[in-house]
Amino acid sequence: MMHNVTSTHIGPQGRALAAWAVSRAALMLFVFRVARFPGQVILHDVSDVYQGWYPVLRGGSFPAHDVTWQYPPGAAAVMVAPAAVPFLGYASAFFCLALLADAVVLAALLVDARRSGRLTGAWVWIGGVVLGGPIVYARYDVMVTAVAVLALLALRRRPAVAGVLAGVGALLKVWPVLVLIGARRGRETRRSWAWAAGTAAGGAALFALTMPGAFSFVTAQRDRGTEVESLGATVFHVWRHFGWHGRSTMHYGSVEFLGPHVHAVSAGALALSVLAFGWLLWWRLRARTFGASTPYDAAFAALLVFTTTSRVISPQYMVWLVGAGAVCLTLAGTVQRLPVVLTLAATLCTTLEFPVFFTYVSQSDLWGVLLLTTRNGLLVAASVIACRRLWAATVPSRAERAAQRPGGAADAASAYAPGTSGTSGTSG
């Protein structure tokens, strides 16, 4: 007797989960040193730096005299979180918690996909983290990104929840507050921004009252210079081949350039960041059309320009952009498709320049300069395109503004439309 065998088909979400599981198993092999990832050692921050801070933070104070402590006070919660997994060593517990944060982002994107029917955002996250390599799990930025992604996804339906999450994120690493830049005018803006400010201020006050040195990170951040992977560093990488006599060395926790004119370039990077902030405020004042994708598109553009203009573009920063880009692509109406694609390409280049070929980058070898310039060029291009598209999608043109004024083209058209009280319409 023949029996019909019905084959089981894995649905789209099942394929996404399978791809995530396989790719993340590979990343865990690298961070647990079962396999070696090429290039520089990537586990130093967790196994030495974070673990070195762990007993100090658990003792109730911040490592205020360590210049490498450059994080807002909420970061302490992440650094001591491995205590929640007492059956593992510090580094192993941290990697597992990073994997959990990664899974939270995927789960949030898959839940959103059930409403929208679009899995593009989930696939961007799955692929983007792979392109970022094992360093995604060897820094705490993936935890911060998870909070920011949840805040963005909550913004349209629960602005108060989004505000609380953004406030928590700001306590962890400041930048998540940018996810609220595109909140719709009115109630959504008032509620989300008020809750974010209240959460951040309340949390900061609590840390200041209970743990000495809560704001010591401000001084360390202020004194940082031009990191060798930043946009401004390109000047010195090229200049080295034409007689610049500075050097690249470990300084304030990362490899920075030290020497003539470095302070000027660092000041220029800060000026660019200030200009970026000014542009975002100008955009916010001028924007009138807030579609479903605008909060996501604006958050991605804001994060992109601040990352690109930073004095420090550490490799782990790319996971921020991957997370925000993934949220953008959950909606068909996003204007940020090309910038997200450029960001993914930049993420791959970032993994190649660190850790794979970082020796060439730090020595300003021609191959290292070419690789870094390509990565930074992609970020600049993505930033310009993202901002232009955001402006075009939300700010009325001069002709549109003229048409909307009383007596403009729109009023003239309505005056002569059939059925109105104009001279060509029917009258009573």
Protein backbone atom coordinates (compact mmCIF):
# COMPACT_ATOMS: atom_id res chain seq x y z
CA MET A 1 0.00 0.00 0.00
CA MET A 2 1.42 3.38 -1.06
CA HIS A 3 1.34 6.25 1.36
CA ASN A 4 1.46 9.83 0.23
CA VAL A 5 4.31 11.65 1.87
CA THR A 6 3.67 15.33 2.43
CA SER A 7 6.84 17.34 2.43
CA THR A 8 7.21 19.97 5.07
CA HIS A 9 7.97 23.40 3.75
CA ILE A 10 9.79 25.93 5.84
CA GLY A 11 8.11 29.30 5.64
CA PRO A 12 9.87 32.65 5.15
CA GLN A 13 10.20 33.28 8.88
CA GLY A 14 11.51 29.77 9.38
CA ARG A 15 14.20 30.37 6.77
CA ALA A 16 15.15 33.61 8.48
CA LEU A 17 15.42 31.85 11.84
CA ALA A 18 17.52 29.07 10.32
CA ALA A 19 19.88 31.56 8.69
CA TRP A 20 20.19 33.46 11.97
CA ALA A 21 20.92 30.27 13.94
CA VAL A 22 23.59 29.03 11.53
CA SER A 23 25.33 32.39 11.19
CA ARG A 24 25.29 33.06 14.93
CA ALA A 25 26.67 29.62 15.70
CA ALA A 26 29.61 30.54 13.47
CA LEU A 27 30.15 33.85 15.28
CA MET A 28 30.05 32.11 18.65
CA LEU A 29 32.77 29.71 17.49
CA PHE A 30 35.03 32.71 16.98
CA VAL A 31 34.31 34.48 20.27
CA PHE A 32 34.68 31.23 22.21
CA ARG A 33 37.99 30.68 20.39
CA VAL A 34 36.96 27.37 18.89
CA ALA A 35 37.97 28.96 15.59
CA ARG A 36 40.30 31.92 15.04
CA PHE A 37 39.13 35.00 13.18
CA PRO A 38 41.94 36.52 11.08
CA GLY A 39 43.70 39.69 12.09
CA GLN A 40 43.89 41.50 15.41
CA VAL A 41 42.69 40.07 18.72
CA ILE A 42 39.07 41.16 19.21
CA LEU A 43 38.30 39.80 22.68
CA HIS A 44 40.54 42.12 24.69
CA ASP A 45 37.77 44.56 25.63
CA VAL A 46 35.61 41.89 27.26
CA SER A 47 38.21 39.61 28.80
CA ASP A 48 40.50 42.37 30.10
CA VAL A 49 38.85 45.80 30.09
CA TYR A 50 35.22 45.02 30.98
CA GLN A 51 36.24 42.25 33.35
CA GLY A 52 38.74 44.60 34.99
CA TRP A 53 35.97 47.12 35.66
CA TYR A 54 33.59 44.45 36.93
CA PRO A 55 34.71 44.27 40.60
CA VAL A 56 34.94 48.08 40.84
CA LEU A 57 31.41 48.54 39.52
CA ARG A 58 30.04 45.77 41.72
CA GLY A 59 31.70 47.51 44.66
CA GLY A 60 29.49 50.54 44.07
CA SER A 61 31.70 53.06 42.25
CA PHE A 62 32.87 53.90 38.75
CA PRO A 63 36.48 53.49 37.55
CA ALA A 64 36.83 57.28 37.48
CA HIS A 65 40.65 57.26 37.35
CA ASP A 66 40.75 54.98 34.29
CA VAL A 67 40.76 57.12 31.12
CA THR A 68 39.34 54.22 29.13
CA TRP A 69 36.07 54.51 31.09
CA GLN A 70 34.24 56.70 28.56
CA TYR A 71 30.67 55.54 28.96
CA PRO A 72 27.53 57.01 30.52
CA PRO A 73 26.65 55.61 33.94
CA GLY A 74 24.03 53.16 32.64
CA ALA A 75 26.81 51.17 30.97
CA ALA A 76 27.63 49.86 34.44
CA ALA A 77 24.48 47.74 34.30
CA VAL A 78 25.73 46.01 31.15
CA MET A 79 29.23 45.50 32.57
CA VAL A 80 27.89 43.74 35.67
CA ALA A 81 25.15 41.82 33.83
CA PRO A 82 27.30 38.66 33.50
CA ALA A 83 26.73 38.19 37.23
CA ALA A 84 23.25 37.01 36.23
CA VAL A 85 24.89 33.93 34.66
CA PRO A 86 26.98 32.72 37.61
CA PHE A 87 27.66 29.26 36.14
CA LEU A 88 29.79 30.82 33.36
CA GLY A 89 32.97 32.84 33.48
CA TYR A 90 32.72 36.58 32.88
CA ALA A 91 33.65 36.58 29.19
CA SER A 92 31.52 33.53 28.35
CA ALA A 93 28.51 35.02 30.12
CA PHE A 94 29.00 38.33 28.29
CA PHE A 95 29.07 36.62 24.89
CA CYS A 96 25.87 34.73 25.70
CA LEU A 97 24.15 37.96 26.75
CA ALA A 98 25.30 39.58 23.50
CA LEU A 99 23.76 36.67 21.60
CA LEU A 100 20.55 37.17 23.58
CA ALA A 101 20.46 40.88 22.62
CA ASP A 102 20.94 39.88 18.97
CA ALA A 103 18.03 37.45 19.30
CA VAL A 104 15.84 40.16 20.85
CA VAL A 105 16.39 42.40 17.81
CA LEU A 106 15.54 39.57 15.43
CA ALA A 107 12.43 38.65 17.41
CA ALA A 108 11.23 42.27 17.38
CA LEU A 109 11.74 42.51 13.62
CA LEU A 110 9.94 39.20 13.03
CA VAL A 111 6.98 40.28 15.15
CA ASP A 112 6.80 43.50 13.14
CA ALA A 113 7.01 41.47 9.93
CA ARG A 114 3.86 39.57 10.89
CA ARG A 115 1.95 42.85 10.73
CA SER A 116 3.62 44.26 7.63
CA GLY A 117 4.32 41.06 5.72
CA ARG A 118 7.88 42.33 4.99
CA LEU A 119 10.92 40.36 6.14
CA THR A 120 13.46 42.68 4.53
CA GLY A 121 14.36 44.31 7.84
CA ALA A 122 15.00 40.96 9.50
CA TRP A 123 17.27 39.89 6.64
CA VAL A 124 19.21 43.16 6.84
CA TRP A 125 19.83 42.46 10.52
CA ILE A 126 20.81 38.83 9.92
CA GLY A 127 23.20 39.71 7.12
CA GLY A 128 24.49 42.95 8.63
CA VAL A 129 25.66 41.29 11.84
CA VAL A 130 27.45 38.63 9.79
CA LEU A 131 29.21 41.38 7.84
CA GLY A 132 30.14 43.01 11.15
CA GLY A 133 31.86 39.82 12.27
CA PRO A 134 32.48 38.48 15.78
CA ILE A 135 33.35 41.93 17.15
CA VAL A 136 29.57 42.47 17.38
CA TYR A 137 29.59 40.06 20.31
CA ALA A 138 32.89 41.30 21.69
CA ARG A 139 31.59 44.80 22.55
CA TYR A 140 28.49 45.93 24.41
CA ASP A 141 27.09 47.95 21.49
CA VAL A 142 24.76 45.15 20.40
CA MET A 143 22.93 45.46 23.74
CA VAL A 144 22.53 49.20 23.21
CA THR A 145 21.34 48.61 19.65
CA ALA A 146 18.67 46.22 20.91
CA VAL A 147 17.25 48.95 23.17
CA ALA A 148 17.32 51.48 20.31
CA VAL A 149 15.59 49.12 17.86
CA LEU A 150 12.84 48.40 20.38
CA ALA A 151 12.40 52.15 20.93
CA LEU A 152 12.11 52.82 17.19
CA LEU A 153 9.59 50.04 16.63
CA ALA A 154 7.51 51.27 19.58
CA LEU A 155 7.51 54.92 18.47
CA ARG A 156 4.51 54.80 16.13
CA ARG A 157 2.16 53.00 18.51
CA ARG A 158 3.48 53.64 22.02
CA PRO A 159 5.42 56.91 22.13
CA ALA A 160 5.73 56.85 25.92
CA VAL A 161 7.32 53.38 25.83
CA ALA A 162 9.61 54.54 23.02
CA GLY A 163 10.64 57.52 25.15
CA VAL A 164 11.45 55.35 28.17
CA LEU A 165 13.53 52.99 26.02
CA ALA A 166 15.35 55.88 24.35
CA GLY A 167 16.08 57.34 27.79
CA VAL A 168 17.47 54.01 28.96
CA GLY A 169 19.54 53.82 25.79
CA ALA A 170 20.91 57.31 26.40
CA LEU A 171 22.06 56.17 29.84
CA LEU A 172 23.84 53.26 28.18
CA LYS A 173 25.59 55.12 25.34
CA VAL A 174 23.91 58.49 24.62
CA TRP A 175 23.23 57.95 20.88
CA PRO A 176 19.89 56.07 21.21
CA VAL A 177 18.20 59.38 22.03
CA LEU A 178 18.59 60.15 18.30
CA VAL A 179 15.89 57.62 17.46
CA LEU A 180 13.27 60.16 18.55
CA ILE A 181 14.35 62.87 16.08
CA GLY A 182 11.66 61.85 13.58
CA ALA A 183 8.73 61.55 15.98
CA ARG A 184 5.57 63.05 14.49
CA ARG A 185 4.68 66.55 15.59
CA GLY A 186 2.22 66.89 18.43
CA ARG A 187 1.37 64.20 20.92
CA GLU A 188 3.94 61.68 19.68
CA THR A 189 6.79 64.16 20.04
CA ARG A 190 5.63 65.53 23.39
CA ARG A 191 5.15 62.12 24.99
CA SER A 192 8.24 60.41 23.62
CA TRP A 193 10.62 63.31 24.27
CA ALA A 194 9.21 63.99 27.74
CA TRP A 195 9.48 60.35 28.80
CA ALA A 196 13.01 60.10 27.35
CA ALA A 197 14.14 63.23 29.21
CA GLY A 198 12.54 62.09 32.45
CA THR A 199 14.01 58.59 32.23
CA ALA A 200 17.51 59.80 31.38
CA ALA A 201 17.49 62.55 34.02
CA GLY A 202 16.06 60.29 36.72
CA GLY A 203 18.49 57.50 35.97
CA ALA A 204 21.47 59.86 35.86
CA ALA A 205 20.47 61.39 39.20
CA LEU A 206 20.10 57.95 40.76
CA PHE A 207 23.58 56.92 39.62
CA ALA A 208 25.07 60.22 40.78
CA LEU A 209 23.58 59.78 44.26
CA THR A 210 24.52 56.14 44.69
CA MET A 211 27.81 55.62 42.80
CA PRO A 212 30.79 58.02 42.96
CA GLY A 213 32.25 59.08 39.60
CA ALA A 214 29.08 58.72 37.57
CA PHE A 215 30.04 61.56 35.20
CA SER A 216 33.78 61.00 35.01
CA PHE A 217 33.29 59.71 31.47
CA VAL A 218 32.71 63.29 30.22
CA THR A 219 36.33 64.28 30.79
CA ALA A 220 37.69 61.14 29.11
CA GLN A 221 35.47 61.68 26.08
CA ARG A 222 36.48 65.34 25.84
CA ASP A 223 40.19 64.53 25.79
CA ARG A 224 40.03 61.91 23.06
CA GLY A 225 41.79 62.67 19.79
CA THR A 226 41.53 61.50 16.18
CA GLU A 227 41.23 57.74 16.00
CA VAL A 228 43.02 56.13 13.03
CA GLU A 229 39.78 54.79 11.53
CA SER A 230 37.86 58.06 11.58
CA LEU A 231 37.07 60.29 8.63
CA GLY A 232 39.48 62.97 9.85
CA ALA A 233 42.27 60.41 10.14
CA THR A 234 42.31 60.09 6.35
CA VAL A 235 44.19 63.41 6.28
CA PHE A 236 47.08 61.97 8.29
CA HIS A 237 47.11 58.60 6.52
CA VAL A 238 47.72 60.43 3.24
CA TRP A 239 49.94 63.11 4.78
CA ARG A 240 52.23 60.44 6.21
CA HIS A 241 53.31 59.66 2.65
CA PHE A 242 54.24 63.31 2.15
CA GLY A 243 56.35 63.95 5.24
CA TRP A 244 53.99 64.26 8.23
CA HIS A 245 55.94 63.21 11.31
CA GLY A 246 53.21 62.17 13.70
CA ARG A 247 52.58 58.66 14.93
CA SER A 248 49.73 56.26 15.62
CA THR A 249 49.63 54.78 19.11
CA MET A 250 47.26 53.49 21.79
CA HIS A 251 45.70 56.52 23.47
CA TYR A 252 42.54 56.71 25.58
CA GLY A 253 41.67 53.12 24.79
CA SER A 254 42.05 53.16 20.99
CA VAL A 255 44.74 53.69 18.37
CA GLU A 256 44.88 57.42 17.68
CA PHE A 257 47.11 59.80 15.76
CA LEU A 258 49.38 61.99 17.87
CA GLY A 259 51.45 64.80 16.43
CA PRO A 260 51.28 68.15 14.62
CA HIS A 261 47.83 69.45 13.65
CA VAL A 262 45.92 66.54 15.20
CA HIS A 263 44.05 68.90 17.54
CA ALA A 264 42.97 71.00 14.55
CA VAL A 265 41.53 67.99 12.74
CA SER A 266 39.80 66.82 15.94
CA ALA A 267 38.28 70.27 16.32
CA GLY A 268 37.17 70.10 12.68
CA ALA A 269 35.42 66.79 13.34
CA LEU A 270 33.60 68.31 16.31
CA ALA A 271 32.59 71.26 14.15
CA LEU A 272 31.18 68.87 11.54
CA SER A 273 29.16 67.12 14.25
CA VAL A 274 27.81 70.48 15.43
CA LEU A 275 26.86 71.36 11.85
CA ALA A 276 25.15 67.98 11.51
CA PHE A 277 23.17 68.68 14.65
CA GLY A 278 22.23 72.10 13.31
CA TRP A 279 21.06 70.59 10.04
CA LEU A 280 18.90 68.07 11.92
CA LEU A 281 17.29 70.89 13.92
CA TRP A 282 16.69 72.86 10.71
CA TRP A 283 15.17 69.78 9.08
CA ARG A 284 12.95 69.23 12.11
CA LEU A 285 11.66 72.81 11.93
CA ARG A 286 11.02 72.66 8.18
CA ALA A 287 9.59 69.14 7.87
CA ARG A 288 5.86 69.01 7.25
CA THR A 289 5.16 65.57 5.73
CA PHE A 290 5.51 62.80 8.31
CA GLY A 291 4.73 59.46 6.70
CA ALA A 292 4.81 56.04 8.32
CA SER A 293 8.50 55.61 7.54
CA THR A 294 9.63 59.13 8.51
CA PRO A 295 10.53 58.32 12.16
CA TYR A 296 12.69 55.43 10.98
CA ASP A 297 14.27 57.31 8.07
CA ALA A 298 15.10 60.33 10.23
CA ALA A 299 16.64 58.21 12.99
CA PHE A 300 18.82 56.37 10.49
CA ALA A 301 19.96 59.61 8.82
CA ALA A 302 20.75 61.24 12.18
CA LEU A 303 22.72 58.26 13.40
CA LEU A 304 24.57 58.02 10.10
CA VAL A 305 25.77 61.64 10.06
CA PHE A 306 26.90 61.56 13.68
CA THR A 307 28.79 58.30 13.15
CA THR A 308 30.46 59.59 9.99
CA THR A 309 31.58 62.90 11.53
CA SER A 310 32.80 61.36 14.78
CA ARG A 311 36.45 61.62 15.86
CA VAL A 312 36.18 57.88 16.54
CA ILE A 313 34.56 55.36 14.20
CA SER A 314 35.17 52.14 16.08
CA PRO A 315 34.21 48.96 14.20
CA GLN A 316 31.40 48.11 16.61
CA TYR A 317 29.63 51.38 15.76
CA MET A 318 28.46 49.80 12.52
CA VAL A 319 26.01 47.59 14.39
CA TRP A 320 24.12 50.77 15.34
CA LEU A 321 23.63 51.59 11.67
CA VAL A 322 22.70 48.01 10.79
CA GLY A 323 19.99 48.02 13.47
CA ALA A 324 18.51 51.37 12.41
CA GLY A 325 18.75 50.43 8.74
CA ALA A 326 16.95 47.16 9.41
CA VAL A 327 14.06 49.06 11.01
CA CYS A 328 13.88 51.39 7.98
CA LEU A 329 13.46 48.46 5.64
CA THR A 330 10.52 47.05 7.58
CA LEU A 331 8.40 49.54 5.60
CA ALA A 332 7.98 49.68 1.84
CA GLY A 333 7.78 53.49 1.89
CA THR A 334 11.27 54.08 3.28
CA VAL A 335 13.51 56.46 1.34
CA GLN A 336 16.68 54.97 2.79
CA ARG A 337 17.13 51.78 0.76
CA LEU A 338 20.29 52.91 -1.05
CA PRO A 339 21.92 54.41 2.06
CA VAL A 340 21.23 51.16 3.93
CA VAL A 341 22.87 49.15 1.14
CA LEU A 342 25.87 51.49 1.20
CA THR A 343 26.05 51.07 4.97
CA LEU A 344 26.11 47.28 4.63
CA ALA A 345 29.00 47.61 2.16
CA ALA A 346 30.74 49.92 4.64
CA THR A 347 30.20 47.31 7.36
CA LEU A 348 32.03 44.70 5.30
CA CYS A 349 34.88 47.14 4.65
CA THR A 350 35.01 47.87 8.38
CA THR A 351 35.51 44.20 9.22
CA LEU A 352 38.28 44.03 6.63
CA GLU A 353 40.07 47.08 8.03
CA PHE A 354 39.59 45.84 11.59
CA PRO A 355 40.48 43.25 12.61
CA VAL A 356 41.63 41.60 9.37
CA PHE A 357 44.02 44.22 7.92
CA PHE A 358 44.38 46.61 10.84
CA THR A 359 48.16 46.42 10.80
CA TYR A 360 48.11 47.99 7.34
CA VAL A 361 45.67 50.67 8.50
CA SER A 362 47.60 51.66 11.62
CA GLN A 363 50.82 51.91 9.60
CA SER A 364 49.12 53.91 6.80
CA ASP A 365 50.16 51.28 4.26
CA LEU A 366 48.69 51.99 0.81
CA TRP A 367 46.40 48.96 1.03
CA GLY A 368 45.18 50.06 4.46
CA VAL A 369 44.62 53.63 3.28
CA LEU A 370 42.66 52.42 0.24
CA LEU A 371 40.48 50.14 2.37
CA LEU A 372 39.80 52.80 4.99
CA THR A 373 39.13 55.51 2.39
CA THR A 374 36.64 53.21 0.69
CA ARG A 375 34.82 52.57 3.96
CA ASN A 376 34.72 56.23 4.92
CA GLY A 377 33.72 57.22 1.40
CA LEU A 378 30.78 54.85 1.58
CA LEU A 379 29.71 56.40 4.89
CA VAL A 380 29.97 59.93 3.50
CA ALA A 381 27.98 58.97 0.40
CA ALA A 382 25.34 57.22 2.51
CA SER A 383 25.07 60.25 4.82
CA VAL A 384 24.62 62.75 1.99
CA ILE A 385 22.07 60.59 0.16
CA ALA A 386 20.17 59.79 3.35
CA CYS A 387 19.86 63.46 4.32
CA ARG A 388 18.89 64.59 0.82
CA ARG A 389 16.22 61.91 0.54
CA LEU A 390 14.86 62.66 3.99
CA TRP A 391 14.61 66.36 3.15
CA ALA A 392 12.96 65.72 -0.22
CA ALA A 393 10.39 63.38 1.32
CA THR A 394 9.37 65.62 4.20
CA VAL A 395 10.07 69.29 3.41
CA PRO A 396 7.77 70.98 0.87
CA SER A 397 9.48 72.57 -2.12
CA ARG A 398 9.20 76.29 -2.81
CA ALA A 399 6.50 75.67 -5.42
CA GLU A 400 4.54 73.48 -3.00
CA ARG A 401 4.76 76.13 -0.27
CA ALA A 402 3.59 78.80 -2.70
CA ALA A 403 0.65 76.64 -3.74
CA GLN A 404 -0.38 76.15 -0.11
CA ARG A 405 -0.45 79.89 0.73
CA PRO A 406 -3.82 81.68 0.73
CA GLY A 407 -4.45 82.85 -2.82
CA GLY A 408 -1.86 80.42 -4.18
CA ALA A 409 -2.24 77.94 -6.99
CA ALA A 410 -4.10 75.45 -4.82
CA ASP A 411 -6.75 78.05 -3.91
CA ALA A 412 -7.02 79.20 -7.51
CA ALA A 413 -7.56 75.63 -8.68
CA SER A 414 -10.27 75.03 -6.10
CA ALA A 415 -11.95 78.32 -7.01
CA TYR A 416 -12.40 77.19 -10.60
CA ALA A 417 -13.26 73.59 -9.89
CA PRO A 418 -16.76 72.41 -10.93
CA GLY A 419 -19.27 72.54 -8.13
CA THR A 420 -17.61 75.43 -6.29
CA SER A 421 -18.75 79.02 -5.99
CA GLY A 422 -16.15 80.28 -8.48
CA THR A 423 -17.09 82.01 -11.72
CA SER A 424 -16.89 78.85 -13.79
CA GLY A 425 -18.78 76.69 -11.34
CA THR A 426 -22.50 76.22 -10.91
CA SER A 427 -24.14 78.82 -8.69
CA GLY A 428 -27.38 78.79 -6.81
